Amino acid sequence: MMPMAYFLFGLALVVLFAAIIAYYYSGKRSKSVEEAKYRMLDDDHDS
């Protein structure tokens, strides 16, 4: 019974990790994720 519990726990971790990656790299979020990178590279000419 114990090896089955280890297998199910490992499988749950893999599924959770895959869900996090799918959420982060989804098309809807890609614009907001990439926007921060380009905003950081922009020059600030406030003065």
C-alpha atoms as a PDB file:
ATOM      1  CA  MET A   1       0.000   0.000   0.000  1.00  0.00           C
ATOM      2  CA  MET A   2       2.848   2.401   0.796  1.00  0.00           C
ATOM      3  CA  PRO A   3       4.486   2.288  -2.682  1.00  0.00           C
ATOM      4  CA  MET A   4       1.132   3.208  -4.204  1.00  0.00           C
ATOM      5  CA  ALA A   5       0.924   6.249  -1.910  1.00  0.00           C
ATOM      6  CA  TYR A   6       4.408   7.369  -3.008  1.00  0.00           C
ATOM      7  CA  PHE A   7       3.405   6.938  -6.645  1.00  0.00           C
ATOM      8  CA  LEU A   8       0.209   8.952  -6.199  1.00  0.00           C
ATOM      9  CA  PHE A   9       2.041  11.714  -4.323  1.00  0.00           C
ATOM     10  CA  GLY A  10       4.686  11.920  -7.050  1.00  0.00           C
ATOM     11  CA  LEU A  11       2.019  11.940  -9.738  1.00  0.00           C
ATOM     12  CA  ALA A  12       0.173  14.746  -7.941  1.00  0.00           C
ATOM     13  CA  LEU A  13       3.377  16.813  -7.811  1.00  0.00           C
ATOM     14  CA  VAL A  14       4.029  16.285 -11.521  1.00  0.00           C
ATOM     15  CA  VAL A  15       0.459  17.277 -12.405  1.00  0.00           C
ATOM     16  CA  LEU A  16       0.673  20.367 -10.185  1.00  0.00           C
ATOM     17  CA  PHE A  17       3.998  21.403 -11.734  1.00  0.00           C
ATOM     18  CA  ALA A  18       2.595  20.917 -15.248  1.00  0.00           C
ATOM     19  CA  ALA A  19      -0.483  22.998 -14.357  1.00  0.00           C
ATOM     20  CA  ILE A  20       1.689  25.847 -13.040  1.00  0.00           C
ATOM     21  CA  ILE A  21       3.790  25.822 -16.216  1.00  0.00           C
ATOM     22  CA  ALA A  22       0.695  25.728 -18.436  1.00  0.00           C
ATOM     23  CA  TYR A  23      -0.838  28.653 -16.519  1.00  0.00           C
ATOM     24  CA  TYR A  24       2.339  30.740 -16.654  1.00  0.00           C
ATOM     25  CA  TYR A  25       3.003  30.175 -20.348  1.00  0.00           C
ATOM     26  CA  SER A  26      -0.596  30.453 -21.535  1.00  0.00           C
ATOM     27  CA  GLY A  27      -1.273  32.880 -24.364  1.00  0.00           C
ATOM     28  CA  LYS A  28      -3.432  35.152 -22.236  1.00  0.00           C
ATOM     29  CA  ARG A  29      -0.643  35.807 -19.740  1.00  0.00           C
ATOM     30  CA  SER A  30       2.290  36.034 -22.157  1.00  0.00           C
ATOM     31  CA  LYS A  31       1.711  39.728 -22.900  1.00  0.00           C
ATOM     32  CA  SER A  32       1.709  40.760 -19.239  1.00  0.00           C
ATOM     33  CA  VAL A  33       4.721  38.563 -18.479  1.00  0.00           C
ATOM     34  CA  GLU A  34       6.781  39.962 -21.367  1.00  0.00           C
ATOM     35  CA  GLU A  35       5.642  43.545 -20.724  1.00  0.00           C
ATOM     36  CA  ALA A  36       7.659  43.782 -17.512  1.00  0.00           C
ATOM     37  CA  LYS A  37      10.851  42.841 -19.356  1.00  0.00           C
ATOM     38  CA  TYR A  38      10.408  45.589 -21.930  1.00  0.00           C
ATOM     39  CA  ARG A  39       9.318  48.143 -19.333  1.00  0.00           C
ATOM     40  CA  MET A  40      12.527  47.479 -17.407  1.00  0.00           C
ATOM     41  CA  LEU A  41      14.592  48.175 -20.546  1.00  0.00           C
ATOM     42  CA  ASP A  42      12.830  51.455 -21.364  1.00  0.00           C
ATOM     43  CA  ASP A  43      14.657  54.687 -20.613  1.00  0.00           C
ATOM     44  CA  ASP A  44      13.083  57.007 -18.073  1.00  0.00           C
ATOM     45  CA  HIS A  45      13.157  60.596 -19.377  1.00  0.00           C
ATOM     46  CA  ASP A  46      11.043  62.291 -16.741  1.00  0.00           C
ATOM     47  CA  SER A  47      13.334  65.300 -16.211  1.00  0.00           C
END
